[in-house]
Every structure is written in structure tokens, then in C-alpha cells.
Protein backbone atom coordinates (compact mmCIF):
# COMPACT_ATOMS: atom_id res chain seq x y z
CA MET A 1 110.12 88.30 99.10
CA ARG A 2 112.23 87.41 102.11
CA LEU A 3 111.03 87.57 105.71
CA TYR A 4 113.61 86.62 108.27
CA GLY A 5 114.73 87.13 111.84
CA LEU A 6 111.63 86.02 113.73
CA LYS A 7 112.41 85.27 117.36
CA ALA A 8 108.84 84.81 118.58
CA ARG A 9 106.29 82.15 117.69
CA PRO A 10 104.51 83.10 114.42
CA ARG A 11 100.74 83.07 114.37
CA ARG A 12 98.04 83.92 111.86
CA ARG A 13 97.94 87.69 112.58
CA GLY A 14 101.65 88.24 113.24
CA LEU A 15 103.99 87.56 116.11
CA ASP A 16 102.40 86.29 119.30
CA ALA A 17 103.01 89.08 121.83
CA ASP A 18 101.51 87.06 124.69
CA THR A 19 104.28 84.46 124.60
CA ALA A 20 107.25 86.67 123.67
CA SER A 21 110.21 86.05 125.96
CA GLY A 22 112.45 88.83 124.65
CA ASP A 23 112.87 91.56 122.09
CA VAL A 24 111.79 90.90 118.50
CA GLU A 25 114.76 91.71 116.28
CA SER A 26 115.86 91.91 112.64
CA ILE A 27 112.61 91.61 110.69
CA PHE A 28 112.76 92.99 107.15
CA ILE A 29 110.53 92.78 104.09
CA GLU A 30 112.86 92.87 101.08
CA ASP A 31 112.87 92.85 97.28
CA CYS A 32 109.09 93.03 96.73
CA SER A 33 106.97 94.73 94.13
CA ILE A 34 103.57 95.48 95.66
CA ASP A 35 100.87 96.67 93.30
CA ASN A 36 97.08 97.10 93.40
CA PHE A 37 96.51 96.45 97.11
CA ALA A 38 93.64 97.63 99.31
CA ALA A 39 94.38 98.03 103.02
CA ALA A 40 94.90 100.63 105.75
CA ALA A 41 98.61 99.75 105.61
CA VAL A 42 100.34 97.37 103.23
CA VAL A 43 103.19 96.70 105.68
CA LEU A 44 102.37 97.16 109.37
CA PHE A 45 104.91 96.88 112.18
CA GLU A 46 102.79 97.13 115.33
CA HIS A 47 104.00 96.67 118.90
CA LEU A 48 101.27 94.86 120.82
CA GLY A 49 102.65 95.61 124.30
CA ARG A 50 104.17 92.53 125.94
CA ALA A 51 105.50 93.48 129.39
CA LYS A 52 108.82 92.07 130.65
CA THR A 53 107.28 91.16 134.01
CA SER A 54 103.78 90.92 135.41
CA THR A 55 104.43 94.09 137.46
CA SER A 56 105.59 96.22 134.50
CA ARG A 57 103.55 99.39 134.24
CA THR A 58 105.36 101.64 131.75
CA LEU A 59 106.31 101.42 128.09
CA ASP A 60 109.97 101.28 129.15
CA ASP A 61 109.26 97.96 130.88
CA ARG A 62 108.12 96.31 127.67
CA PHE A 63 110.04 94.14 125.25
CA ALA A 64 111.16 96.08 122.19
CA MET A 65 110.90 95.57 118.47
CA ARG A 66 114.28 96.58 117.06
CA ASN A 67 116.14 96.67 113.75
CA ILE A 68 113.01 96.22 111.64
CA GLY A 69 111.75 97.62 108.36
CA THR A 70 111.76 97.36 104.59
CA ARG A 71 114.48 97.31 101.93
CA ARG A 72 114.54 97.56 98.13
CA ASN A 73 110.76 97.44 97.60
CA ARG A 74 108.47 99.11 95.06
CA TYR A 75 104.89 100.11 95.92
CA ILE A 76 102.25 101.29 93.45
CA SER A 77 98.71 102.30 94.40
CA ARG A 78 95.89 101.96 91.90
CA LYS A 79 92.54 103.69 91.62
CA GLY A 80 90.03 102.30 94.09
CA ASN A 81 92.64 101.10 96.61
CA ILE A 82 92.13 103.77 99.27
CA ASP A 83 90.75 102.64 102.60
CA GLY A 84 88.25 105.13 104.11
CA ALA A 85 88.27 107.68 101.28
CA ARG A 86 85.80 109.96 103.06
CA ASP A 87 87.10 109.52 106.62
CA ILE A 88 90.08 111.53 107.89
CA GLY A 89 90.39 109.10 110.82
CA THR A 90 91.12 106.14 108.55
CA THR A 91 94.68 105.74 107.34
CA SER A 92 95.75 104.50 103.96
CA CYS A 93 99.52 104.14 103.60
CA PHE A 94 102.25 101.84 102.32
CA ILE A 95 104.18 101.36 105.56
CA GLU A 96 103.14 101.99 109.16
CA PHE A 97 105.20 101.75 112.36
CA ASN A 98 102.91 101.76 115.42
CA GLY A 99 104.75 101.88 118.74
CA TYR A 100 101.63 102.39 120.84
CA GLY A 101 102.11 99.15 122.80
CA GLY A 102 105.85 99.49 123.42
CA PRO A 103 109.16 100.63 121.97
CA ILE A 104 110.13 100.23 118.33
CA LEU A 105 113.84 100.99 117.93
CA ASP A 106 116.06 101.39 114.87
CA ALA A 107 113.26 101.23 112.30
CA VAL A 108 114.38 101.53 108.67
CA ILE A 109 112.65 102.20 105.37
CA ASN A 110 115.11 101.95 102.50
CA ASP A 111 112.99 101.43 99.39
CA TYR A 112 113.01 102.37 95.73
CA THR A 113 109.67 103.97 94.89
CA MET A 114 106.24 104.66 96.34
CA GLY A 115 103.63 105.67 93.78
CA ALA A 116 101.07 107.02 96.23
CA ARG A 117 98.57 108.78 93.95
CA TYR A 118 95.55 106.80 95.17
CA ILE A 119 96.32 106.54 98.90
CA LYS A 120 96.60 109.15 101.66
CA GLN A 121 100.20 108.71 102.89
CA GLY A 122 103.41 107.00 101.87
CA VAL A 123 104.68 106.30 105.40
CA MET A 124 103.08 106.68 108.83
CA VAL A 125 105.00 106.57 112.12
CA PHE A 126 103.52 107.12 115.57
CA GLY A 127 103.72 106.01 119.17
CA ASN A 128 106.94 105.00 120.84
CA VAL A 129 109.25 104.85 117.77
CA ASP A 130 112.88 105.92 118.25
CA ARG A 131 115.84 106.11 115.83
CA PHE A 132 113.77 105.96 112.65
CA THR A 133 115.35 106.33 109.18
CA VAL A 134 113.61 106.87 105.85
CA ALA A 135 115.50 106.65 102.57
CA VAL A 136 113.10 106.33 99.65
CA ARG A 137 114.23 107.44 96.22
CA GLU A 138 110.77 108.70 95.35
CA ILE A 139 107.40 109.07 97.08
CA SER A 140 105.24 110.53 94.35
CA GLU A 141 101.81 112.17 94.36
CA ALA A 142 100.83 111.19 97.93
CA GLY A 143 97.14 111.83 98.40
CA PHE A 144 96.82 113.50 94.99
CA GLU A 145 93.57 111.71 94.13
CA ALA A 146 93.05 109.71 97.31
CA ALA A 147 90.45 111.66 99.26
CA GLY A 148 87.04 112.15 97.70
CA VAL A 149 86.28 115.18 99.87
CA ASP A 150 88.33 117.90 101.57
CA ALA A 151 87.37 116.52 104.98
CA ALA A 152 89.41 113.36 104.32
CA ALA A 153 92.43 115.05 102.75
CA TYR A 154 95.73 115.08 104.61
């Protein structure tokens, strides 16, 4: 696995949004085989909302995450890996882009396979995400056996 392009100070739970002095650029997870995981999202790109100035009030006044994503990865879910099997409000996906706190621009997913039989989604994107590209050779059986009840099915 290669992780490169960090322009902010790393910390235990990710990049430190409170001390960011500019856009976060060129972060990619590459050449991984991820199997038998248990999480709401295996790879999460989440904008935490650092404003450019103390008077910034809109999402447009926030530093951006740009040119980020995944390349050449393989994901395989296994039985028992779903997070929140009986709760429609709980996600369970391979990759999530969450632009709730500010803009995510030029996001890319360019992976080989996603065997999603035992999770709810392959990819989830929401919030302020713009210019998003997905190129996955195969996302198979998403949610096929993930939800234990109809109320949690997507």
C-alpha cells in the first residue's frame, strides 16, 4: 500500500483539520487487497470543515480536498462484516467520500473489483463532492446478503 501527498500534519484519526493552512491534495490509496474487514467504510475521505479565515461562513470559504481517491485496489467482503445489519441509517461500504464539512474536488475511484455480497454498498458519495469519477471493473452482489431484514436493505 502507498499513501502519499499529505500536506497537513498527520494525526491518529486522519489529517488535522484544525491546523490546515491550505488545500489537502493528491492523496491516493493504491495497490491494496482488502479482505475480511468490519467497518462502516473501509476507506473514508471526510472533509472536516476547516475555514480559510475566522470569518468564513459558507462551504465555499473552506479549504478543499482535491485530487484524492483510490487506484488498483481489490475489496472483498466476508460474512459477518456488515456494520448495522438491521439499521438502514448505518452505512456499510468500501469507499465513502463525505463532503459535509467542505468541498471535495476531483475525487477518483479507479479500482479492480469490489465483492460486496456482505455489505450494503460498494461506494457512497454525499455532501459537497464535485467532479467525481468511478471506474471499477466489477462491483458484484452489493447488498445481496447484507441486510438481515427488509427495513435495512438499500
